[in-house]
Amino acid sequence: MSPTIFRERGYRFFFFSREESRSHVHVYCGSGEAKFWLEPEIELAKNYHLSRTQLKEIEGIIEAHYHELKSAWQRHFGS
């Protein structure tokens, strides 16, 4: 299961249910996908075919929704 947290500007922000315990978010769009750590700070973990411009835009969206993402992580994983 990979619950979608929200969609914005053509990107889908979601979690995979069975992954490592360090909080992070996956981001998908038609041209690629990425994984960002949420702690200890927002940081790119993996990138598959997204441009620097897209990654910068995604990081800004994550920053704007940081508390929402952390709350969703805690609800989903119970930590």
N, C-alpha and C. Protein backbone atom coordinates (compact mmCIF):
# COMPACT_ATOMS: atom_id res chain seq x y z
N MET A 1 0.85 -1.18 0.00
CA MET A 1 0.00 0.00 0.00
C MET A 1 0.89 1.24 0.00
N SER A 2 0.52 2.23 -0.78
CA SER A 2 1.28 3.48 -0.82
C SER A 2 0.31 4.66 -0.79
N PRO A 3 -0.05 5.09 0.40
CA PRO A 3 -1.05 6.15 0.51
C PRO A 3 -0.56 7.49 -0.04
N THR A 4 -1.42 8.13 -0.83
CA THR A 4 -1.13 9.47 -1.33
C THR A 4 -1.45 10.47 -0.24
N ILE A 5 -0.51 11.34 0.05
CA ILE A 5 -0.70 12.37 1.07
C ILE A 5 -1.40 13.58 0.43
N PHE A 6 -0.88 14.01 -0.70
CA PHE A 6 -1.52 15.08 -1.47
C PHE A 6 -0.92 15.13 -2.86
N ARG A 7 -1.56 15.88 -3.74
CA ARG A 7 -1.06 16.14 -5.09
C ARG A 7 -0.97 17.66 -5.26
N GLU A 8 0.11 18.07 -5.90
CA GLU A 8 0.27 19.51 -6.16
C GLU A 8 1.17 19.69 -7.37
N ARG A 9 0.78 20.62 -8.26
CA ARG A 9 1.54 20.98 -9.46
C ARG A 9 1.95 19.76 -10.29
N GLY A 10 1.10 18.76 -10.37
CA GLY A 10 1.38 17.59 -11.17
C GLY A 10 2.21 16.53 -10.48
N TYR A 11 2.54 16.74 -9.21
CA TYR A 11 3.32 15.77 -8.45
C TYR A 11 2.42 15.05 -7.45
N ARG A 12 2.68 13.77 -7.26
CA ARG A 12 1.99 12.97 -6.24
C ARG A 12 2.98 12.71 -5.11
N PHE A 13 2.61 13.07 -3.89
CA PHE A 13 3.44 12.88 -2.70
C PHE A 13 2.86 11.71 -1.91
N PHE A 14 3.68 10.69 -1.65
CA PHE A 14 3.15 9.47 -1.03
C PHE A 14 4.22 8.75 -0.22
N PHE A 15 3.76 7.76 0.57
CA PHE A 15 4.63 6.88 1.34
C PHE A 15 4.48 5.47 0.80
N PHE A 16 5.53 4.66 0.96
CA PHE A 16 5.41 3.21 0.80
C PHE A 16 5.23 2.65 2.21
N SER A 17 4.36 1.70 2.37
CA SER A 17 4.04 1.20 3.70
C SER A 17 5.17 0.38 4.35
N ARG A 18 5.96 -0.27 3.57
CA ARG A 18 6.98 -1.14 4.16
C ARG A 18 8.37 -0.70 3.71
N GLU A 19 8.87 0.28 4.40
CA GLU A 19 10.19 0.80 4.09
C GLU A 19 10.89 1.16 5.38
N GLU A 20 12.05 1.80 5.25
CA GLU A 20 12.82 2.15 6.43
C GLU A 20 12.06 3.10 7.35
N SER A 21 12.48 3.14 8.61
CA SER A 21 11.74 3.90 9.62
C SER A 21 12.04 5.40 9.61
N ARG A 22 13.14 5.82 9.00
CA ARG A 22 13.45 7.25 8.92
C ARG A 22 12.41 7.93 8.04
N SER A 23 11.80 9.00 8.53
CA SER A 23 10.70 9.61 7.78
C SER A 23 11.18 10.23 6.46
N HIS A 24 10.40 9.95 5.42
CA HIS A 24 10.70 10.41 4.07
C HIS A 24 9.42 10.41 3.26
N VAL A 25 9.48 11.02 2.10
CA VAL A 25 8.33 11.06 1.20
C VAL A 25 8.81 10.75 -0.21
N HIS A 26 7.99 10.03 -0.95
CA HIS A 26 8.24 9.75 -2.36
C HIS A 26 7.41 10.73 -3.18
N VAL A 27 7.96 11.13 -4.32
CA VAL A 27 7.28 12.09 -5.20
C VAL A 27 7.32 11.52 -6.62
N TYR A 28 6.17 11.53 -7.27
CA TYR A 28 6.08 10.97 -8.62
C TYR A 28 5.41 11.97 -9.55
N CYS A 29 5.91 12.04 -10.77
CA CYS A 29 5.23 12.76 -11.85
C CYS A 29 5.52 11.99 -13.12
N GLY A 30 4.94 12.39 -14.22
CA GLY A 30 5.08 11.67 -15.48
C GLY A 30 6.50 11.52 -15.96
N SER A 31 7.38 12.44 -15.61
CA SER A 31 8.75 12.39 -16.14
C SER A 31 9.74 11.72 -15.20
N GLY A 32 9.33 11.36 -13.99
CA GLY A 32 10.26 10.71 -13.07
C GLY A 32 9.74 10.68 -11.65
N GLU A 33 10.66 10.35 -10.74
CA GLU A 33 10.29 10.30 -9.33
C GLU A 33 11.51 10.57 -8.47
N ALA A 34 11.24 10.86 -7.20
CA ALA A 34 12.32 11.15 -6.26
C ALA A 34 11.88 10.74 -4.86
N LYS A 35 12.85 10.66 -3.98
CA LYS A 35 12.62 10.37 -2.57
C LYS A 35 13.35 11.44 -1.78
N PHE A 36 12.66 12.03 -0.81
CA PHE A 36 13.26 13.06 0.04
C PHE A 36 13.16 12.63 1.50
N TRP A 37 14.27 12.75 2.21
CA TRP A 37 14.25 12.59 3.67
C TRP A 37 13.52 13.78 4.27
N LEU A 38 12.79 13.56 5.34
CA LEU A 38 12.14 14.64 6.08
C LEU A 38 12.91 14.99 7.35
N GLU A 39 13.78 14.09 7.78
CA GLU A 39 14.57 14.35 8.99
C GLU A 39 15.97 13.78 8.81
N PRO A 40 16.98 14.32 9.43
CA PRO A 40 16.89 15.44 10.37
C PRO A 40 16.58 16.76 9.68
N GLU A 41 16.69 16.76 8.33
CA GLU A 41 16.28 17.93 7.55
C GLU A 41 15.82 17.44 6.18
N ILE A 42 15.15 18.29 5.46
CA ILE A 42 14.68 17.92 4.12
C ILE A 42 15.91 17.79 3.22
N GLU A 43 16.04 16.61 2.61
CA GLU A 43 17.22 16.34 1.80
C GLU A 43 16.87 15.30 0.73
N LEU A 44 17.36 15.51 -0.47
CA LEU A 44 17.14 14.55 -1.55
C LEU A 44 17.85 13.25 -1.22
N ALA A 45 17.12 12.13 -1.28
CA ALA A 45 17.70 10.81 -1.05
C ALA A 45 17.97 10.09 -2.38
N LYS A 46 17.00 10.15 -3.30
CA LYS A 46 17.16 9.50 -4.61
C LYS A 46 16.42 10.30 -5.66
N ASN A 47 16.95 10.26 -6.87
CA ASN A 47 16.33 10.96 -7.99
C ASN A 47 16.36 10.07 -9.22
N TYR A 48 15.21 9.94 -9.86
CA TYR A 48 15.11 9.18 -11.10
C TYR A 48 14.51 10.07 -12.19
N HIS A 49 15.39 10.69 -12.97
CA HIS A 49 15.01 11.42 -14.19
C HIS A 49 14.34 12.78 -13.96
N LEU A 50 14.40 13.35 -12.79
CA LEU A 50 13.85 14.69 -12.58
C LEU A 50 14.96 15.72 -12.72
N SER A 51 14.61 16.87 -13.26
CA SER A 51 15.60 17.94 -13.48
C SER A 51 15.87 18.69 -12.17
N ARG A 52 16.93 19.47 -12.17
CA ARG A 52 17.23 20.31 -11.00
C ARG A 52 16.08 21.27 -10.70
N THR A 53 15.49 21.80 -11.76
CA THR A 53 14.36 22.72 -11.59
C THR A 53 13.20 22.02 -10.91
N GLN A 54 12.89 20.81 -11.35
CA GLN A 54 11.81 20.05 -10.73
C GLN A 54 12.13 19.73 -9.27
N LEU A 55 13.36 19.33 -9.00
CA LEU A 55 13.75 18.98 -7.63
C LEU A 55 13.65 20.20 -6.71
N LYS A 56 14.04 21.35 -7.21
CA LYS A 56 13.94 22.59 -6.42
C LYS A 56 12.47 22.91 -6.15
N GLU A 57 11.62 22.77 -7.16
CA GLU A 57 10.19 23.01 -7.00
C GLU A 57 9.60 22.03 -5.97
N ILE A 58 9.95 20.77 -6.08
CA ILE A 58 9.45 19.75 -5.15
C ILE A 58 9.90 20.05 -3.73
N GLU A 59 11.15 20.42 -3.56
CA GLU A 59 11.65 20.73 -2.22
C GLU A 59 10.87 21.89 -1.62
N GLY A 60 10.54 22.88 -2.42
CA GLY A 60 9.73 24.00 -1.94
C GLY A 60 8.34 23.56 -1.51
N ILE A 61 7.75 22.63 -2.27
CA ILE A 61 6.42 22.11 -1.90
C ILE A 61 6.52 21.33 -0.59
N ILE A 62 7.57 20.52 -0.47
CA ILE A 62 7.76 19.77 0.78
C ILE A 62 7.92 20.71 1.97
N GLU A 63 8.70 21.76 1.79
CA GLU A 63 8.87 22.75 2.87
C GLU A 63 7.53 23.37 3.26
N ALA A 64 6.72 23.69 2.27
CA ALA A 64 5.42 24.33 2.53
C ALA A 64 4.44 23.37 3.22
N HIS A 65 4.61 22.07 2.99
CA HIS A 65 3.70 21.06 3.55
C HIS A 65 4.38 20.19 4.62
N TYR A 66 5.50 20.66 5.14
CA TYR A 66 6.31 19.83 6.05
C TYR A 66 5.50 19.27 7.22
N HIS A 67 4.75 20.12 7.90
CA HIS A 67 4.00 19.66 9.08
C HIS A 67 2.91 18.67 8.68
N GLU A 68 2.29 18.89 7.55
CA GLU A 68 1.28 17.96 7.04
C GLU A 68 1.90 16.59 6.75
N LEU A 69 3.08 16.60 6.13
CA LEU A 69 3.77 15.35 5.82
C LEU A 69 4.20 14.62 7.08
N LYS A 70 4.75 15.34 8.05
CA LYS A 70 5.17 14.71 9.31
C LYS A 70 3.97 14.13 10.05
N SER A 71 2.86 14.85 10.09
CA SER A 71 1.65 14.35 10.75
C SER A 71 1.12 13.11 10.04
N ALA A 72 1.12 13.13 8.71
CA ALA A 72 0.65 11.97 7.94
C ALA A 72 1.56 10.77 8.20
N TRP A 73 2.86 11.00 8.30
CA TRP A 73 3.82 9.92 8.58
C TRP A 73 3.49 9.30 9.94
N GLN A 74 3.30 10.14 10.94
CA GLN A 74 3.00 9.64 12.30
C GLN A 74 1.68 8.89 12.34
N ARG A 75 0.67 9.38 11.65
CA ARG A 75 -0.62 8.67 11.59
C ARG A 75 -0.47 7.32 10.90
N HIS A 76 0.26 7.31 9.79
CA HIS A 76 0.37 6.09 9.00
C HIS A 76 1.23 5.03 9.68
N PHE A 77 2.36 5.47 10.23
CA PHE A 77 3.31 4.51 10.80
C PHE A 77 3.22 4.39 12.31
N GLY A 78 2.41 5.26 12.94
CA GLY A 78 2.20 5.17 14.37
C GLY A 78 3.42 5.46 15.22
N SER A 79 4.26 6.38 14.75
CA SER A 79 5.45 6.72 15.54
C SER A 79 5.49 8.20 15.83
